């Protein structure tokens, strides 16, 4: 077995051992290589199950958390998904394998530009990336079947709840930025929202406004 094949097998084993069991999610994560999304001195750690720093003071989440969040979102092939917090672009690339269309927004122009370059190189044509204040969602493209937020807010932002379709699901971390947060799943019904607490997590805070880069 080649070193690359062995590394991939260990990567998938680590995902399964942390609870990522959905076969569609595992297939997507096997297909999308995490390597191109990590640049510079941490590139050789791309296949370890750990968060890593990226540009603009942000992080790329550890793969098992990406897998668990994606699994909790229950994406179908017909869904239009909004991701708030493009970061490296890795999570959007995973979603692109599962959804019909992915819109991703980030407040940092540089991150959006670099993510777009990777999407183009990988020929991921069903992702549209914007520089925008993600806490307001994307009203022009709403409503969404699924919304994934990769930064922590103290409460689910009202504009995002409003942009979720009836029957839609949103997965996001909530809590104070400097303490352990909870990953929650919000399901919208005709008469309101259901909230399920999934697991403790730690994410960068959701910040309003655009970055200065």
C-alpha atoms as a PDB file:
ATOM      1  CA  UNK A   1       0.000   0.000   0.000  1.00  0.00           C
ATOM      2  CA  UNK A   2       1.332   3.453  -0.902  1.00  0.00           C
ATOM      3  CA  UNK A   3       1.993   6.015   1.821  1.00  0.00           C
ATOM      4  CA  UNK A   4      -0.819   8.216   0.462  1.00  0.00           C
ATOM      5  CA  UNK A   5      -3.334   5.335   0.511  1.00  0.00           C
ATOM      6  CA  UNK A   6      -2.318   4.387   4.040  1.00  0.00           C
ATOM      7  CA  UNK A   7      -2.653   7.996   5.193  1.00  0.00           C
ATOM      8  CA  UNK A   8      -6.138   8.188   3.673  1.00  0.00           C
ATOM      9  CA  UNK A   9      -7.158   4.933   5.370  1.00  0.00           C
ATOM     10  CA  UNK A  10      -5.934   6.230   8.749  1.00  0.00           C
ATOM     11  CA  UNK A  11      -7.737   9.528   8.118  1.00  0.00           C
ATOM     12  CA  UNK A  12     -11.068   7.751   7.483  1.00  0.00           C
ATOM     13  CA  UNK A  13     -10.533   5.432  10.447  1.00  0.00           C
ATOM     14  CA  UNK A  14     -10.013   8.473  12.704  1.00  0.00           C
ATOM     15  CA  UNK A  15     -13.271   9.985  11.410  1.00  0.00           C
ATOM     16  CA  UNK A  16     -15.242   6.796  12.075  1.00  0.00           C
ATOM     17  CA  UNK A  17     -13.744   6.413  15.553  1.00  0.00           C
ATOM     18  CA  UNK A  18     -14.985   9.938  16.434  1.00  0.00           C
ATOM     19  CA  UNK A  19     -18.553   9.116  15.331  1.00  0.00           C
ATOM     20  CA  UNK A  20     -18.653  10.115  11.658  1.00  0.00           C
ATOM     21  CA  UNK A  21     -20.591   7.112  10.324  1.00  0.00           C
ATOM     22  CA  UNK A  22     -22.742   8.524   7.497  1.00  0.00           C
ATOM     23  CA  UNK A  23     -21.479   6.815   4.321  1.00  0.00           C
ATOM     24  CA  UNK A  24     -22.199   9.842   2.073  1.00  0.00           C
ATOM     25  CA  UNK A  25     -20.237  12.136   4.389  1.00  0.00           C
ATOM     26  CA  UNK A  26     -17.313   9.692   4.588  1.00  0.00           C
ATOM     27  CA  UNK A  27     -17.272   9.357   0.788  1.00  0.00           C
ATOM     28  CA  UNK A  28     -17.218  13.158   0.400  1.00  0.00           C
ATOM     29  CA  UNK A  29     -14.371  13.454   2.902  1.00  0.00           C
ATOM     30  CA  UNK A  30     -12.429  10.712   1.156  1.00  0.00           C
ATOM     31  CA  UNK A  31     -12.864  12.487  -2.184  1.00  0.00           C
ATOM     32  CA  UNK A  32     -11.958  16.034  -1.030  1.00  0.00           C
ATOM     33  CA  UNK A  33      -8.299  16.147  -0.055  1.00  0.00           C
ATOM     34  CA  UNK A  34      -7.673  18.445   2.932  1.00  0.00           C
ATOM     35  CA  UNK A  35      -4.106  19.081   1.725  1.00  0.00           C
ATOM     36  CA  UNK A  36      -4.735  21.942  -0.762  1.00  0.00           C
ATOM     37  CA  UNK A  37      -6.678  23.901   1.879  1.00  0.00           C
ATOM     38  CA  UNK A  38      -3.682  24.215   4.202  1.00  0.00           C
ATOM     39  CA  UNK A  39      -0.718  26.342   3.132  1.00  0.00           C
ATOM     40  CA  UNK A  40       2.685  27.028   4.579  1.00  0.00           C
ATOM     41  CA  UNK A  41       4.328  25.411   7.580  1.00  0.00           C
ATOM     42  CA  UNK A  42       1.304  23.313   8.613  1.00  0.00           C
ATOM     43  CA  UNK A  43       0.772  21.681   5.197  1.00  0.00           C
ATOM     44  CA  UNK A  44       2.403  18.420   6.320  1.00  0.00           C
ATOM     45  CA  UNK A  45      -0.160  18.091   9.146  1.00  0.00           C
ATOM     46  CA  UNK A  46      -3.186  18.196   6.840  1.00  0.00           C
ATOM     47  CA  UNK A  47      -4.138  14.579   7.556  1.00  0.00           C
ATOM     48  CA  UNK A  48      -4.068  14.818  11.338  1.00  0.00           C
ATOM     49  CA  UNK A  49      -7.353  15.205  13.199  1.00  0.00           C
ATOM     50  CA  UNK A  50      -6.590  18.633  14.586  1.00  0.00           C
ATOM     51  CA  UNK A  51      -7.557  22.253  13.888  1.00  0.00           C
ATOM     52  CA  UNK A  52      -4.818  24.270  12.182  1.00  0.00           C
ATOM     53  CA  UNK A  53      -4.203  28.013  11.769  1.00  0.00           C
ATOM     54  CA  UNK A  54      -4.927  29.651   8.412  1.00  0.00           C
ATOM     55  CA  UNK A  55      -4.676  33.269   7.239  1.00  0.00           C
ATOM     56  CA  UNK A  56      -6.515  36.223   8.841  1.00  0.00           C
ATOM     57  CA  UNK A  57      -6.271  34.752  12.348  1.00  0.00           C
ATOM     58  CA  UNK A  58      -8.769  31.996  11.502  1.00  0.00           C
ATOM     59  CA  UNK A  59      -8.557  28.202  11.730  1.00  0.00           C
ATOM     60  CA  UNK A  60      -9.450  25.179   9.651  1.00  0.00           C
ATOM     61  CA  UNK A  61     -11.552  22.908  11.874  1.00  0.00           C
ATOM     62  CA  UNK A  62     -10.385  19.421  12.714  1.00  0.00           C
ATOM     63  CA  UNK A  63     -11.747  16.904  10.189  1.00  0.00           C
ATOM     64  CA  UNK A  64     -13.810  14.958  12.735  1.00  0.00           C
ATOM     65  CA  UNK A  65     -15.697  18.147  13.690  1.00  0.00           C
ATOM     66  CA  UNK A  66     -16.248  18.967   9.988  1.00  0.00           C
ATOM     67  CA  UNK A  67     -17.598  15.434   9.554  1.00  0.00           C
ATOM     68  CA  UNK A  68     -19.870  15.565  12.603  1.00  0.00           C
ATOM     69  CA  UNK A  69     -21.269  18.986  11.643  1.00  0.00           C
ATOM     70  CA  UNK A  70     -21.872  17.832   8.063  1.00  0.00           C
ATOM     71  CA  UNK A  71     -23.527  14.638   9.302  1.00  0.00           C
ATOM     72  CA  UNK A  72     -25.791  16.615  11.676  1.00  0.00           C
ATOM     73  CA  UNK A  73     -26.872  18.843   8.780  1.00  0.00           C
ATOM     74  CA  UNK A  74     -28.449  15.850   6.953  1.00  0.00           C
ATOM     75  CA  UNK A  75     -27.823  17.357   3.497  1.00  0.00           C
ATOM     76  CA  UNK A  76     -29.681  15.840   0.536  1.00  0.00           C
ATOM     77  CA  UNK A  77     -28.793  16.064  -3.151  1.00  0.00           C
ATOM     78  CA  UNK A  78     -31.619  18.574  -3.745  1.00  0.00           C
ATOM     79  CA  UNK A  79     -30.580  21.029  -1.025  1.00  0.00           C
ATOM     80  CA  UNK A  80     -29.307  24.585  -1.314  1.00  0.00           C
ATOM     81  CA  UNK A  81     -26.894  25.211   1.560  1.00  0.00           C
ATOM     82  CA  UNK A  82     -25.579  28.447   3.077  1.00  0.00           C
ATOM     83  CA  UNK A  83     -22.257  28.250   4.890  1.00  0.00           C
ATOM     84  CA  UNK A  84     -21.332  31.187   7.133  1.00  0.00           C
ATOM     85  CA  UNK A  85     -17.545  31.347   7.551  1.00  0.00           C
ATOM     86  CA  UNK A  86     -15.755  30.114   4.421  1.00  0.00           C
ATOM     87  CA  UNK A  87     -12.361  30.004   6.126  1.00  0.00           C
ATOM     88  CA  UNK A  88     -10.080  27.715   4.116  1.00  0.00           C
ATOM     89  CA  UNK A  89     -12.969  26.527   1.921  1.00  0.00           C
ATOM     90  CA  UNK A  90     -12.626  22.913   3.095  1.00  0.00           C
ATOM     91  CA  UNK A  91     -16.088  22.644   4.664  1.00  0.00           C
ATOM     92  CA  UNK A  92     -17.769  24.173   1.580  1.00  0.00           C
ATOM     93  CA  UNK A  93     -15.922  21.692  -0.637  1.00  0.00           C
ATOM     94  CA  UNK A  94     -17.258  18.783   1.449  1.00  0.00           C
ATOM     95  CA  UNK A  95     -20.782  20.230   1.250  1.00  0.00           C
ATOM     96  CA  UNK A  96     -20.440  20.598  -2.531  1.00  0.00           C
ATOM     97  CA  UNK A  97     -20.286  16.805  -2.811  1.00  0.00           C
ATOM     98  CA  UNK A  98     -23.605  16.402  -0.988  1.00  0.00           C
ATOM     99  CA  UNK A  99     -25.790  19.382  -1.954  1.00  0.00           C
ATOM    100  CA  UNK A 100     -27.179  20.786  -5.186  1.00  0.00           C
ATOM    101  CA  UNK A 101     -25.768  24.258  -4.516  1.00  0.00           C
ATOM    102  CA  UNK A 102     -23.534  25.786  -1.840  1.00  0.00           C
ATOM    103  CA  UNK A 103     -23.308  29.500  -1.041  1.00  0.00           C
ATOM    104  CA  UNK A 104     -20.468  30.389   1.302  1.00  0.00           C
ATOM    105  CA  UNK A 105     -19.692  33.780   2.845  1.00  0.00           C
ATOM    106  CA  UNK A 106     -16.753  35.143   4.815  1.00  0.00           C
ATOM    107  CA  UNK A 107     -15.886  38.598   6.117  1.00  0.00           C
ATOM    108  CA  UNK A 108     -12.254  38.262   4.960  1.00  0.00           C
ATOM    109  CA  UNK A 109     -11.692  39.007   1.256  1.00  0.00           C
ATOM    110  CA  UNK A 110      -8.382  37.172   1.231  1.00  0.00           C
ATOM    111  CA  UNK A 111      -9.936  33.924   2.489  1.00  0.00           C
ATOM    112  CA  UNK A 112     -12.731  34.111  -0.097  1.00  0.00           C
ATOM    113  CA  UNK A 113     -10.219  34.782  -2.885  1.00  0.00           C
ATOM    114  CA  UNK A 114      -7.951  31.884  -1.864  1.00  0.00           C
ATOM    115  CA  UNK A 115     -10.914  29.510  -1.406  1.00  0.00           C
ATOM    116  CA  UNK A 116     -12.235  30.418  -4.869  1.00  0.00           C
ATOM    117  CA  UNK A 117      -8.849  29.543  -6.370  1.00  0.00           C
ATOM    118  CA  UNK A 118      -9.018  26.075  -4.806  1.00  0.00           C
ATOM    119  CA  UNK A 119     -12.666  25.546  -5.866  1.00  0.00           C
ATOM    120  CA  UNK A 120     -11.667  26.431  -9.450  1.00  0.00           C
ATOM    121  CA  UNK A 121      -8.639  24.126  -9.360  1.00  0.00           C
ATOM    122  CA  UNK A 122     -10.814  21.246  -8.073  1.00  0.00           C
ATOM    123  CA  UNK A 123     -13.595  22.122 -10.579  1.00  0.00           C
ATOM    124  CA  UNK A 124     -16.204  22.485  -7.818  1.00  0.00           C
ATOM    125  CA  UNK A 125     -18.680  24.401  -9.954  1.00  0.00           C
ATOM    126  CA  UNK A 126     -21.652  24.322  -7.546  1.00  0.00           C
ATOM    127  CA  UNK A 127     -20.044  26.625  -4.933  1.00  0.00           C
ATOM    128  CA  UNK A 128     -20.499  30.410  -4.967  1.00  0.00           C
ATOM    129  CA  UNK A 129     -18.288  32.316  -2.520  1.00  0.00           C
ATOM    130  CA  UNK A 130     -18.974  35.898  -1.374  1.00  0.00           C
ATOM    131  CA  UNK A 131     -17.243  38.426   0.844  1.00  0.00           C
ATOM    132  CA  UNK A 132     -20.047  39.501   3.183  1.00  0.00           C
ATOM    133  CA  UNK A 133     -21.069  39.852   6.813  1.00  0.00           C
ATOM    134  CA  UNK A 134     -22.276  36.307   7.416  1.00  0.00           C
ATOM    135  CA  UNK A 135     -24.277  37.212  10.515  1.00  0.00           C
ATOM    136  CA  UNK A 136     -26.834  38.711   8.109  1.00  0.00           C
ATOM    137  CA  UNK A 137     -26.896  35.618   5.899  1.00  0.00           C
ATOM    138  CA  UNK A 138     -27.584  36.085   2.185  1.00  0.00           C
ATOM    139  CA  UNK A 139     -31.101  37.547   1.862  1.00  0.00           C
ATOM    140  CA  UNK A 140     -30.938  37.649  -1.956  1.00  0.00           C
ATOM    141  CA  UNK A 141     -30.465  33.875  -2.178  1.00  0.00           C
ATOM    142  CA  UNK A 142     -32.723  32.873   0.751  1.00  0.00           C
ATOM    143  CA  UNK A 143     -34.468  30.778   1.863  1.00  0.00           C
ATOM    144  CA  UNK A 144     -32.070  27.869   2.372  1.00  0.00           C
ATOM    145  CA  UNK A 145     -32.690  24.172   2.998  1.00  0.00           C
ATOM    146  CA  UNK A 146     -29.619  23.982   5.218  1.00  0.00           C
ATOM    147  CA  UNK A 147     -27.406  26.529   6.984  1.00  0.00           C
ATOM    148  CA  UNK A 148     -24.029  25.742   8.555  1.00  0.00           C
ATOM    149  CA  UNK A 149     -22.246  28.299  10.728  1.00  0.00           C
ATOM    150  CA  UNK A 150     -18.550  27.743  11.452  1.00  0.00           C
ATOM    151  CA  UNK A 151     -18.119  30.511  14.056  1.00  0.00           C
ATOM    152  CA  UNK A 152     -19.712  30.794  17.480  1.00  0.00           C
ATOM    153  CA  UNK A 153     -22.496  33.232  18.336  1.00  0.00           C
ATOM    154  CA  UNK A 154     -24.062  33.644  21.776  1.00  0.00           C
ATOM    155  CA  UNK A 155     -27.437  32.821  20.209  1.00  0.00           C
ATOM    156  CA  UNK A 156     -28.491  31.678  16.728  1.00  0.00           C
ATOM    157  CA  UNK A 157     -28.566  34.937  14.685  1.00  0.00           C
ATOM    158  CA  UNK A 158     -32.127  36.070  13.899  1.00  0.00           C
ATOM    159  CA  UNK A 159     -31.461  36.781  10.194  1.00  0.00           C
ATOM    160  CA  UNK A 160     -30.175  33.216   9.737  1.00  0.00           C
ATOM    161  CA  UNK A 161     -33.195  31.692  11.467  1.00  0.00           C
ATOM    162  CA  UNK A 162     -35.414  33.808   9.197  1.00  0.00           C
ATOM    163  CA  UNK A 163     -33.602  32.543   6.070  1.00  0.00           C
ATOM    164  CA  UNK A 164     -34.141  28.860   6.921  1.00  0.00           C
ATOM    165  CA  UNK A 165     -36.933  27.110   5.014  1.00  0.00           C
ATOM    166  CA  UNK A 166     -39.752  25.366   6.848  1.00  0.00           C
ATOM    167  CA  UNK A 167     -38.369  21.878   7.421  1.00  0.00           C
ATOM    168  CA  UNK A 168     -34.832  23.263   7.111  1.00  0.00           C
ATOM    169  CA  UNK A 169     -31.906  22.517   9.422  1.00  0.00           C
ATOM    170  CA  UNK A 170     -29.179  24.805  10.761  1.00  0.00           C
ATOM    171  CA  UNK A 171     -26.092  23.550  12.617  1.00  0.00           C
ATOM    172  CA  UNK A 172     -23.958  26.019  14.567  1.00  0.00           C
ATOM    173  CA  UNK A 173     -21.828  26.455  17.699  1.00  0.00           C
ATOM    174  CA  UNK A 174     -23.335  28.702  20.368  1.00  0.00           C
ATOM    175  CA  UNK A 175     -21.785  30.135  23.504  1.00  0.00           C
ATOM    176  CA  UNK A 176     -19.208  32.645  24.692  1.00  0.00           C
ATOM    177  CA  UNK A 177     -16.174  32.748  22.404  1.00  0.00           C
ATOM    178  CA  UNK A 178     -13.590  32.138  25.162  1.00  0.00           C
ATOM    179  CA  UNK A 179     -15.316  29.138  26.756  1.00  0.00           C
ATOM    180  CA  UNK A 180     -16.388  25.763  25.481  1.00  0.00           C
ATOM    181  CA  UNK A 181     -19.424  26.157  23.246  1.00  0.00           C
ATOM    182  CA  UNK A 182     -22.202  23.746  22.337  1.00  0.00           C
ATOM    183  CA  UNK A 183     -22.840  22.529  18.816  1.00  0.00           C
ATOM    184  CA  UNK A 184     -26.583  22.705  18.251  1.00  0.00           C
ATOM    185  CA  UNK A 185     -28.967  21.675  15.508  1.00  0.00           C
ATOM    186  CA  UNK A 186     -31.962  23.924  14.862  1.00  0.00           C
ATOM    187  CA  UNK A 187     -34.907  22.516  12.891  1.00  0.00           C
ATOM    188  CA  UNK A 188     -37.552  24.920  11.618  1.00  0.00           C
ATOM    189  CA  UNK A 189     -41.214  23.884  11.751  1.00  0.00           C
ATOM    190  CA  UNK A 190     -44.397  25.674  10.724  1.00  0.00           C
ATOM    191  CA  UNK A 191     -44.909  26.764  14.330  1.00  0.00           C
ATOM    192  CA  UNK A 192     -41.353  27.484  15.484  1.00  0.00           C
ATOM    193  CA  UNK A 193     -37.922  25.931  16.035  1.00  0.00           C
ATOM    194  CA  UNK A 194     -36.595  22.800  17.738  1.00  0.00           C
ATOM    195  CA  UNK A 195     -33.120  22.897  19.286  1.00  0.00           C
ATOM    196  CA  UNK A 196     -30.927  19.821  19.837  1.00  0.00           C
ATOM    197  CA  UNK A 197     -27.646  20.056  21.706  1.00  0.00           C
ATOM    198  CA  UNK A 198     -25.080  17.792  20.027  1.00  0.00           C
ATOM    199  CA  UNK A 199     -21.657  18.123  21.667  1.00  0.00           C
ATOM    200  CA  UNK A 200     -19.147  20.561  23.170  1.00  0.00           C
ATOM    201  CA  UNK A 201     -16.932  22.361  20.622  1.00  0.00           C
ATOM    202  CA  UNK A 202     -14.601  25.359  20.393  1.00  0.00           C
ATOM    203  CA  UNK A 203     -14.811  27.814  17.468  1.00  0.00           C
ATOM    204  CA  UNK A 204     -13.645  31.321  16.663  1.00  0.00           C
ATOM    205  CA  UNK A 205     -16.334  33.943  17.410  1.00  0.00           C
ATOM    206  CA  UNK A 206     -18.857  35.103  14.819  1.00  0.00           C
ATOM    207  CA  UNK A 207     -17.966  38.765  14.240  1.00  0.00           C
ATOM    208  CA  UNK A 208     -20.161  41.316  12.519  1.00  0.00           C
ATOM    209  CA  UNK A 209     -18.819  43.538   9.752  1.00  0.00           C
ATOM    210  CA  UNK A 210     -16.113  42.907   7.138  1.00  0.00           C
ATOM    211  CA  UNK A 211     -12.440  42.182   7.759  1.00  0.00           C
ATOM    212  CA  UNK A 212      -9.841  44.812   6.906  1.00  0.00           C
ATOM    213  CA  UNK A 213      -7.892  42.720   4.396  1.00  0.00           C
END
